[in-house]
């Protein structure tokens, strides 16, 4: 069973009322879900950074000039489509 902890936050007076109008759950439930999503997003971001660091350590990288040339080509293609 998961142990729960309570936290308190200060919100402007309009926010809880707005949440109650649009949400299918309570402000507390919506807040808990938001915190869970941030926690998962942070974990994903840290895993992404770790994977990048490991790739660098393995030498699995592309030279900056190659990356920039590819990005420049993509930007040029986009600009041409916008002009058409």
PDB file of N, CA and C in Angstrom:
ATOM      1  N   UNK A   1       0.833  -1.178   0.000  1.00  0.00           N
ATOM      2  CA  UNK A   1       0.000   0.000   0.000  1.00  0.00           C
ATOM      3  C   UNK A   1       0.879   1.244   0.000  1.00  0.00           C
ATOM      4  N   UNK A   2       0.500   2.235  -0.772  1.00  0.00           N
ATOM      5  CA  UNK A   2       1.253   3.473  -0.876  1.00  0.00           C
ATOM      6  C   UNK A   2       0.956   4.367   0.321  1.00  0.00           C
ATOM      7  N   UNK A   3       1.996   4.907   0.906  1.00  0.00           N
ATOM      8  CA  UNK A   3       1.835   5.871   1.979  1.00  0.00           C
ATOM      9  C   UNK A   3       1.645   7.247   1.363  1.00  0.00           C
ATOM     10  N   UNK A   4       0.649   7.974   1.817  1.00  0.00           N
ATOM     11  CA  UNK A   4       0.355   9.288   1.264  1.00  0.00           C
ATOM     12  C   UNK A   4       0.882  10.375   2.184  1.00  0.00           C
ATOM     13  N   UNK A   5       1.267  11.482   1.596  1.00  0.00           N
ATOM     14  CA  UNK A   5       1.695  12.659   2.346  1.00  0.00           C
ATOM     15  C   UNK A   5       0.835  13.835   1.916  1.00  0.00           C
ATOM     16  N   UNK A   6       0.527  14.713   2.839  1.00  0.00           N
ATOM     17  CA  UNK A   6      -0.255  15.901   2.515  1.00  0.00           C
ATOM     18  C   UNK A   6       0.684  17.080   2.347  1.00  0.00           C
ATOM     19  N   UNK A   7       0.346  17.938   1.370  1.00  0.00           N
ATOM     20  CA  UNK A   7       1.080  19.181   1.190  1.00  0.00           C
ATOM     21  C   UNK A   7       0.054  20.304   1.134  1.00  0.00           C
ATOM     22  N   UNK A   8       0.485  21.496   1.419  1.00  0.00           N
ATOM     23  CA  UNK A   8      -0.388  22.672   1.336  1.00  0.00           C
ATOM     24  C   UNK A   8       0.200  23.637   0.322  1.00  0.00           C
ATOM     25  N   UNK A   9      -0.679  24.234  -0.462  1.00  0.00           N
ATOM     26  CA  UNK A   9      -0.240  25.231  -1.434  1.00  0.00           C
ATOM     27  C   UNK A   9      -1.149  26.443  -1.333  1.00  0.00           C
ATOM     28  N   UNK A  10      -0.617  27.575  -1.710  1.00  0.00           N
ATOM     29  CA  UNK A  10      -1.414  28.793  -1.748  1.00  0.00           C
ATOM     30  C   UNK A  10      -1.769  29.090  -3.194  1.00  0.00           C
ATOM     31  N   UNK A  11      -3.073  29.300  -3.438  1.00  0.00           N
ATOM     32  CA  UNK A  11      -3.570  29.624  -4.771  1.00  0.00           C
ATOM     33  C   UNK A  11      -4.372  30.908  -4.693  1.00  0.00           C
ATOM     34  N   UNK A  12      -4.400  31.638  -5.786  1.00  0.00           N
ATOM     35  CA  UNK A  12      -5.281  32.796  -5.804  1.00  0.00           C
ATOM     36  C   UNK A  12      -6.723  32.301  -5.690  1.00  0.00           C
ATOM     37  N   UNK A  13      -7.613  33.128  -5.231  1.00  0.00           N
ATOM     38  CA  UNK A  13      -8.969  32.680  -4.915  1.00  0.00           C
ATOM     39  C   UNK A  13      -9.742  32.197  -6.136  1.00  0.00           C
ATOM     40  N   UNK A  14      -9.398  32.655  -7.317  1.00  0.00           N
ATOM     41  CA  UNK A  14     -10.140  32.235  -8.502  1.00  0.00           C
ATOM     42  C   UNK A  14      -9.779  30.852  -9.006  1.00  0.00           C
ATOM     43  N   UNK A  15      -8.575  30.390  -8.724  1.00  0.00           N
ATOM     44  CA  UNK A  15      -8.122  29.118  -9.277  1.00  0.00           C
ATOM     45  C   UNK A  15      -8.929  27.918  -8.777  1.00  0.00           C
ATOM     46  N   UNK A  16      -9.141  27.750  -7.471  1.00  0.00           N
ATOM     47  CA  UNK A  16      -9.942  26.597  -7.035  1.00  0.00           C
ATOM     48  C   UNK A  16     -11.362  26.614  -7.606  1.00  0.00           C
ATOM     49  N   UNK A  17     -11.958  27.781  -7.691  1.00  0.00           N
ATOM     50  CA  UNK A  17     -13.309  27.883  -8.252  1.00  0.00           C
ATOM     51  C   UNK A  17     -13.315  27.468  -9.723  1.00  0.00           C
ATOM     52  N   UNK A  18     -12.306  27.910 -10.468  1.00  0.00           N
ATOM     53  CA  UNK A  18     -12.220  27.541 -11.878  1.00  0.00           C
ATOM     54  C   UNK A  18     -12.033  26.040 -12.030  1.00  0.00           C
ATOM     55  N   UNK A  19     -11.161  25.462 -11.198  1.00  0.00           N
ATOM     56  CA  UNK A  19     -10.915  24.019 -11.264  1.00  0.00           C
ATOM     57  C   UNK A  19     -12.194  23.255 -10.965  1.00  0.00           C
ATOM     58  N   UNK A  20     -12.929  23.682  -9.958  1.00  0.00           N
ATOM     59  CA  UNK A  20     -14.176  23.007  -9.604  1.00  0.00           C
ATOM     60  C   UNK A  20     -15.171  23.041 -10.758  1.00  0.00           C
ATOM     61  N   UNK A  21     -15.155  24.126 -11.551  1.00  0.00           N
ATOM     62  CA  UNK A  21     -16.079  24.247 -12.681  1.00  0.00           C
ATOM     63  C   UNK A  21     -15.706  23.334 -13.839  1.00  0.00           C
ATOM     64  N   UNK A  22     -14.407  23.192 -14.103  1.00  0.00           N
ATOM     65  CA  UNK A  22     -14.002  22.476 -15.321  1.00  0.00           C
ATOM     66  C   UNK A  22     -13.522  21.057 -15.076  1.00  0.00           C
ATOM     67  N   UNK A  23     -13.124  20.756 -13.853  1.00  0.00           N
ATOM     68  CA  UNK A  23     -12.543  19.443 -13.581  1.00  0.00           C
ATOM     69  C   UNK A  23     -13.631  18.449 -13.191  1.00  0.00           C
ATOM     70  N   UNK A  24     -13.345  17.197 -13.447  1.00  0.00           N
ATOM     71  CA  UNK A  24     -14.267  16.128 -13.048  1.00  0.00           C
ATOM     72  C   UNK A  24     -13.878  15.570 -11.693  1.00  0.00           C
ATOM     73  N   UNK A  25     -12.926  16.227 -11.045  1.00  0.00           N
ATOM     74  CA  UNK A  25     -12.475  15.781  -9.736  1.00  0.00           C
ATOM     75  C   UNK A  25     -12.223  17.005  -8.861  1.00  0.00           C
ATOM     76  N   UNK A  26     -11.859  16.793  -7.638  1.00  0.00           N
ATOM     77  CA  UNK A  26     -11.629  17.894  -6.703  1.00  0.00           C
ATOM     78  C   UNK A  26     -10.315  18.609  -7.005  1.00  0.00           C
ATOM     79  N   UNK A  27     -10.175  19.781  -6.428  1.00  0.00           N
ATOM     80  CA  UNK A  27      -8.926  20.530  -6.558  1.00  0.00           C
ATOM     81  C   UNK A  27      -7.775  19.691  -6.015  1.00  0.00           C
ATOM     82  N   UNK A  28      -8.016  19.011  -4.893  1.00  0.00           N
ATOM     83  CA  UNK A  28      -6.958  18.182  -4.295  1.00  0.00           C
ATOM     84  C   UNK A  28      -6.547  17.055  -5.239  1.00  0.00           C
ATOM     85  N   UNK A  29      -7.524  16.391  -5.841  1.00  0.00           N
ATOM     86  CA  UNK A  29      -7.208  15.289  -6.755  1.00  0.00           C
ATOM     87  C   UNK A  29      -6.478  15.804  -7.991  1.00  0.00           C
ATOM     88  N   UNK A  30      -6.930  16.931  -8.510  1.00  0.00           N
ATOM     89  CA  UNK A  30      -6.272  17.507  -9.686  1.00  0.00           C
ATOM     90  C   UNK A  30      -4.847  17.939  -9.340  1.00  0.00           C
ATOM     91  N   UNK A  31      -4.668  18.524  -8.162  1.00  0.00           N
ATOM     92  CA  UNK A  31      -3.336  18.936  -7.724  1.00  0.00           C
ATOM     93  C   UNK A  31      -2.410  17.732  -7.578  1.00  0.00           C
ATOM     94  N   UNK A  32      -2.931  16.661  -6.980  1.00  0.00           N
ATOM     95  CA  UNK A  32      -2.125  15.449  -6.810  1.00  0.00           C
ATOM     96  C   UNK A  32      -1.716  14.888  -8.165  1.00  0.00           C
ATOM     97  N   UNK A  33      -2.635  14.888  -9.114  1.00  0.00           N
ATOM     98  CA  UNK A  33      -2.319  14.387 -10.456  1.00  0.00           C
ATOM     99  C   UNK A  33      -1.260  15.261 -11.121  1.00  0.00           C
ATOM    100  N   UNK A  34      -1.371  16.573 -10.950  1.00  0.00           N
ATOM    101  CA  UNK A  34      -0.383  17.484 -11.536  1.00  0.00           C
ATOM    102  C   UNK A  34       1.003  17.224 -10.957  1.00  0.00           C
ATOM    103  N   UNK A  35       1.074  17.024  -9.656  1.00  0.00           N
ATOM    104  CA  UNK A  35       2.374  16.740  -9.028  1.00  0.00           C
ATOM    105  C   UNK A  35       2.928  15.422  -9.545  1.00  0.00           C
ATOM    106  N   UNK A  36       2.080  14.404  -9.681  1.00  0.00           N
ATOM    107  CA  UNK A  36       2.530  13.107 -10.220  1.00  0.00           C
ATOM    108  C   UNK A  36       3.077  13.269 -11.636  1.00  0.00           C
ATOM    109  N   UNK A  37       2.384  14.059 -12.463  1.00  0.00           N
ATOM    110  CA  UNK A  37       2.831  14.246 -13.841  1.00  0.00           C
ATOM    111  C   UNK A  37       4.172  14.975 -13.901  1.00  0.00           C
ATOM    112  N   UNK A  38       4.359  15.979 -13.052  1.00  0.00           N
ATOM    113  CA  UNK A  38       5.639  16.686 -13.014  1.00  0.00           C
ATOM    114  C   UNK A  38       6.741  15.727 -12.581  1.00  0.00           C
ATOM    115  N   UNK A  39       6.457  14.902 -11.583  1.00  0.00           N
ATOM    116  CA  UNK A  39       7.442  13.927 -11.110  1.00  0.00           C
ATOM    117  C   UNK A  39       7.841  12.970 -12.240  1.00  0.00           C
ATOM    118  N   UNK A  40       6.848  12.462 -12.989  1.00  0.00           N
ATOM    119  CA  UNK A  40       7.143  11.562 -14.102  1.00  0.00           C
ATOM    120  C   UNK A  40       7.911  12.276 -15.199  1.00  0.00           C
ATOM    121  N   UNK A  41       7.531  13.511 -15.488  1.00  0.00           N
ATOM    122  CA  UNK A  41       8.220  14.283 -16.517  1.00  0.00           C
ATOM    123  C   UNK A  41       9.676  14.523 -16.127  1.00  0.00           C
ATOM    124  N   UNK A  42       9.895  14.838 -14.869  1.00  0.00           N
ATOM    125  CA  UNK A  42      11.260  15.057 -14.382  1.00  0.00           C
ATOM    126  C   UNK A  42      12.078  13.774 -14.483  1.00  0.00           C
ATOM    127  N   UNK A  43      11.466  12.643 -14.147  1.00  0.00           N
ATOM    128  CA  UNK A  43      12.170  11.358 -14.249  1.00  0.00           C
ATOM    129  C   UNK A  43      12.517  11.062 -15.706  1.00  0.00           C
ATOM    130  N   UNK A  44      11.578  11.336 -16.618  1.00  0.00           N
ATOM    131  CA  UNK A  44      11.843  11.130 -18.050  1.00  0.00           C
ATOM    132  C   UNK A  44      12.979  12.022 -18.530  1.00  0.00           C
ATOM    133  N   UNK A  45      12.971  13.270 -18.083  1.00  0.00           N
ATOM    134  CA  UNK A  45      14.011  14.224 -18.483  1.00  0.00           C
ATOM    135  C   UNK A  45      15.376  13.771 -17.987  1.00  0.00           C
ATOM    136  N   UNK A  46      15.436  13.326 -16.739  1.00  0.00           N
ATOM    137  CA  UNK A  46      16.705  12.854 -16.188  1.00  0.00           C
ATOM    138  C   UNK A  46      17.207  11.611 -16.938  1.00  0.00           C
ATOM    139  N   UNK A  47      16.294  10.719 -17.308  1.00  0.00           N
ATOM    140  CA  UNK A  47      16.679   9.532 -18.078  1.00  0.00           C
ATOM    141  C   UNK A  47      17.205   9.947 -19.457  1.00  0.00           C
ATOM    142  N   UNK A  48      16.551  10.946 -20.072  1.00  0.00           N
ATOM    143  CA  UNK A  48      16.989  11.466 -21.366  1.00  0.00           C
ATOM    144  C   UNK A  48      18.404  12.032 -21.264  1.00  0.00           C
ATOM    145  N   UNK A  49      18.654  12.826 -20.213  1.00  0.00           N
ATOM    146  CA  UNK A  49      19.996  13.385 -20.013  1.00  0.00           C
ATOM    147  C   UNK A  49      21.022  12.283 -19.791  1.00  0.00           C
ATOM    148  N   UNK A  50      20.678  11.306 -18.974  1.00  0.00           N
ATOM    149  CA  UNK A  50      21.595  10.198 -18.691  1.00  0.00           C
ATOM    150  C   UNK A  50      21.941   9.452 -19.982  1.00  0.00           C
ATOM    151  N   UNK A  51      20.919   9.205 -20.815  1.00  0.00           N
ATOM    152  CA  UNK A  51      21.159   8.510 -22.082  1.00  0.00           C
ATOM    153  C   UNK A  51      22.097   9.333 -22.967  1.00  0.00           C
ATOM    154  N   UNK A  52      21.917  10.650 -22.973  1.00  0.00           N
ATOM    155  CA  UNK A  52      22.797  11.511 -23.761  1.00  0.00           C
ATOM    156  C   UNK A  52      24.224  11.492 -23.253  1.00  0.00           C
ATOM    157  N   UNK A  53      24.376  11.538 -21.948  1.00  0.00           N
ATOM    158  CA  UNK A  53      25.723  11.491 -21.358  1.00  0.00           C
ATOM    159  C   UNK A  53      26.397  10.165 -21.684  1.00  0.00           C
ATOM    160  N   UNK A  54      25.651   9.080 -21.597  1.00  0.00           N
ATOM    161  CA  UNK A  54      26.210   7.765 -21.928  1.00  0.00           C
ATOM    162  C   UNK A  54      26.597   7.688 -23.401  1.00  0.00           C
ATOM    163  N   UNK A  55      25.792   8.285 -24.286  1.00  0.00           N
ATOM    164  CA  UNK A  55      26.118   8.303 -25.714  1.00  0.00           C
ATOM    165  C   UNK A  55      27.419   9.065 -25.953  1.00  0.00           C
ATOM    166  N   UNK A  56      27.581  10.181 -25.256  1.00  0.00           N
ATOM    167  CA  UNK A  56      28.821  10.962 -25.389  1.00  0.00           C
ATOM    168  C   UNK A  56      30.006  10.138 -24.919  1.00  0.00           C
ATOM    169  N   UNK A  57      29.865   9.451 -23.803  1.00  0.00           N
ATOM    170  CA  UNK A  57      30.956   8.630 -23.276  1.00  0.00           C
ATOM    171  C   UNK A  57      31.346   7.534 -24.265  1.00  0.00           C
ATOM    172  N   UNK A  58      30.356   6.999 -24.999  1.00  0.00           N
ATOM    173  CA  UNK A  58      30.638   5.951 -26.001  1.00  0.00           C
ATOM    174  C   UNK A  58      31.198   6.538 -27.292  1.00  0.00           C
ATOM    175  N   UNK A  59      31.132   7.858 -27.419  1.00  0.00           N
ATOM    176  CA  UNK A  59      31.575   8.488 -28.663  1.00  0.00           C
ATOM    177  C   UNK A  59      30.510   8.447 -29.742  1.00  0.00           C
ATOM    178  N   UNK A  60      29.287   8.163 -29.370  1.00  0.00           N
ATOM    179  CA  UNK A  60      28.168   8.053 -30.303  1.00  0.00           C
ATOM    180  C   UNK A  60      27.546   9.434 -30.505  1.00  0.00           C
ATOM    181  N   UNK A  61      28.300  10.303 -31.174  1.00  0.00           N
ATOM    182  CA  UNK A  61      27.873  11.678 -31.385  1.00  0.00           C
ATOM    183  C   UNK A  61      28.138  12.077 -32.834  1.00  0.00           C
ATOM    184  N   UNK A  62      27.481  13.153 -33.254  1.00  0.00           N
ATOM    185  CA  UNK A  62      27.701  13.689 -34.593  1.00  0.00           C
ATOM    186  C   UNK A  62      28.461  15.000 -34.457  1.00  0.00           C
ATOM    187  N   UNK A  63      29.349  15.285 -35.389  1.00  0.00           N
ATOM    188  CA  UNK A  63      30.078  16.554 -35.346  1.00  0.00           C
ATOM    189  C   UNK A  63      29.116  17.743 -35.454  1.00  0.00           C
ATOM    190  N   UNK A  64      29.425  18.822 -34.739  1.00  0.00           N
ATOM    191  CA  UNK A  64      28.565  19.995 -34.717  1.00  0.00           C
ATOM    192  C   UNK A  64      28.319  20.533 -36.128  1.00  0.00           C
ATOM    193  N   UNK A  65      29.334  20.574 -36.955  1.00  0.00           N
ATOM    194  CA  UNK A  65      29.184  21.109 -38.313  1.00  0.00           C
ATOM    195  C   UNK A  65      28.167  20.290 -39.100  1.00  0.00           C
ATOM    196  N   UNK A  66      28.172  18.978 -38.912  1.00  0.00           N
ATOM    197  CA  UNK A  66      27.221  18.102 -39.607  1.00  0.00           C
ATOM    198  C   UNK A  66      25.791  18.376 -39.132  1.00  0.00           C
ATOM    199  N   UNK A  67      25.618  18.506 -37.848  1.00  0.00           N
ATOM    200  CA  UNK A  67      24.290  18.787 -37.294  1.00  0.00           C
ATOM    201  C   UNK A  67      23.787  20.138 -37.784  1.00  0.00           C
ATOM    202  N   UNK A  68      24.638  21.152 -37.730  1.00  0.00           N
ATOM    203  CA  UNK A  68      24.235  22.485 -38.155  1.00  0.00           C
ATOM    204  C   UNK A  68      23.894  22.523 -39.641  1.00  0.00           C
ATOM    205  N   UNK A  69      24.646  21.809 -40.458  1.00  0.00           N
ATOM    206  CA  UNK A  69      24.353  21.758 -41.894  1.00  0.00           C
ATOM    207  C   UNK A  69      22.983  21.119 -42.134  1.00  0.00           C
ATOM    208  N   UNK A  70      22.683  20.075 -41.407  1.00  0.00           N
ATOM    209  CA  UNK A  70      21.383  19.417 -41.558  1.00  0.00           C
ATOM    210  C   UNK A  70      20.257  20.346 -41.099  1.00  0.00           C
ATOM    211  N   UNK A  71      20.462  21.037 -39.990  1.00  0.00           N
ATOM    212  CA  UNK A  71      19.448  21.983 -39.521  1.00  0.00           C
ATOM    213  C   UNK A  71      19.261  23.130 -40.503  1.00  0.00           C
ATOM    214  N   UNK A  72      20.349  23.658 -41.045  1.00  0.00           N
ATOM    215  CA  UNK A  72      20.252  24.735 -42.035  1.00  0.00           C
ATOM    216  C   UNK A  72      19.448  24.283 -43.250  1.00  0.00           C
ATOM    217  N   UNK A  73      19.680  23.044 -43.689  1.00  0.00           N
ATOM    218  CA  UNK A  73      18.937  22.511 -44.835  1.00  0.00           C
ATOM    219  C   UNK A  73      17.450  22.385 -44.500  1.00  0.00           C
ATOM    220  N   UNK A  74      17.142  21.944 -43.313  1.00  0.00           N
ATOM    221  CA  UNK A  74      15.744  21.813 -42.901  1.00  0.00           C
ATOM    222  C   UNK A  74      15.076  23.187 -42.835  1.00  0.00           C
ATOM    223  N   UNK A  75      15.782  24.181 -42.316  1.00  0.00           N
ATOM    224  CA  UNK A  75      15.240  25.538 -42.240  1.00  0.00           C
ATOM    225  C   UNK A  75      14.993  26.086 -43.637  1.00  0.00           C
ATOM    226  N   UNK A  76      15.940  25.867 -44.539  1.00  0.00           N
ATOM    227  CA  UNK A  76      15.789  26.334 -45.921  1.00  0.00           C
ATOM    228  C   UNK A  76      14.580  25.685 -46.587  1.00  0.00           C
ATOM    229  N   UNK A  77      14.393  24.382 -46.408  1.00  0.00           N
ATOM    230  CA  UNK A  77      13.230  23.696 -46.971  1.00  0.00           C
ATOM    231  C   UNK A  77      11.937  24.285 -46.426  1.00  0.00           C
ATOM    232  N   UNK A  78      11.896  24.540 -45.147  1.00  0.00           N
ATOM    233  CA  UNK A  78      10.710  25.119 -44.536  1.00  0.00           C
ATOM    234  C   UNK A  78      10.434  26.514 -45.098  1.00  0.00           C
ATOM    235  N   UNK A  79      11.480  27.331 -45.220  1.00  0.00           N
ATOM    236  CA  UNK A  79      11.312  28.677 -45.749  1.00  0.00           C
ATOM    237  C   UNK A  79      10.818  28.642 -47.183  1.00  0.00           C
ATOM    238  N   UNK A  80      11.296  27.700 -47.974  1.00  0.00           N
ATOM    239  CA  UNK A  80      10.847  27.575 -49.358  1.00  0.00           C
ATOM    240  C   UNK A  80       9.365  27.195 -49.412  1.00  0.00           C
ATOM    241  N   UNK A  81       8.945  26.284 -48.535  1.00  0.00           N
ATOM    242  CA  UNK A  81       7.526  25.914 -48.492  1.00  0.00           C
ATOM    243  C   UNK A  81       6.653  27.110 -48.095  1.00  0.00           C
ATOM    244  N   UNK A  82       7.167  27.935 -47.202  1.00  0.00           N
ATOM    245  CA  UNK A  82       6.405  29.105 -46.733  1.00  0.00           C
ATOM    246  C   UNK A  82       6.280  30.148 -47.840  1.00  0.00           C
ATOM    247  N   UNK A  83       7.290  30.228 -48.703  1.00  0.00           N
ATOM    248  CA  UNK A  83       7.256  31.206 -49.793  1.00  0.00           C
ATOM    249  C   UNK A  83       6.353  30.751 -50.945  1.00  0.00           C
ATOM    250  N   UNK A  84       6.095  29.465 -51.012  1.00  0.00           N
ATOM    251  CA  UNK A  84       5.312  28.930 -52.136  1.00  0.00           C
ATOM    252  C   UNK A  84       3.843  29.243 -51.987  1.00  0.00           C
TER     253      UNK A  84
END
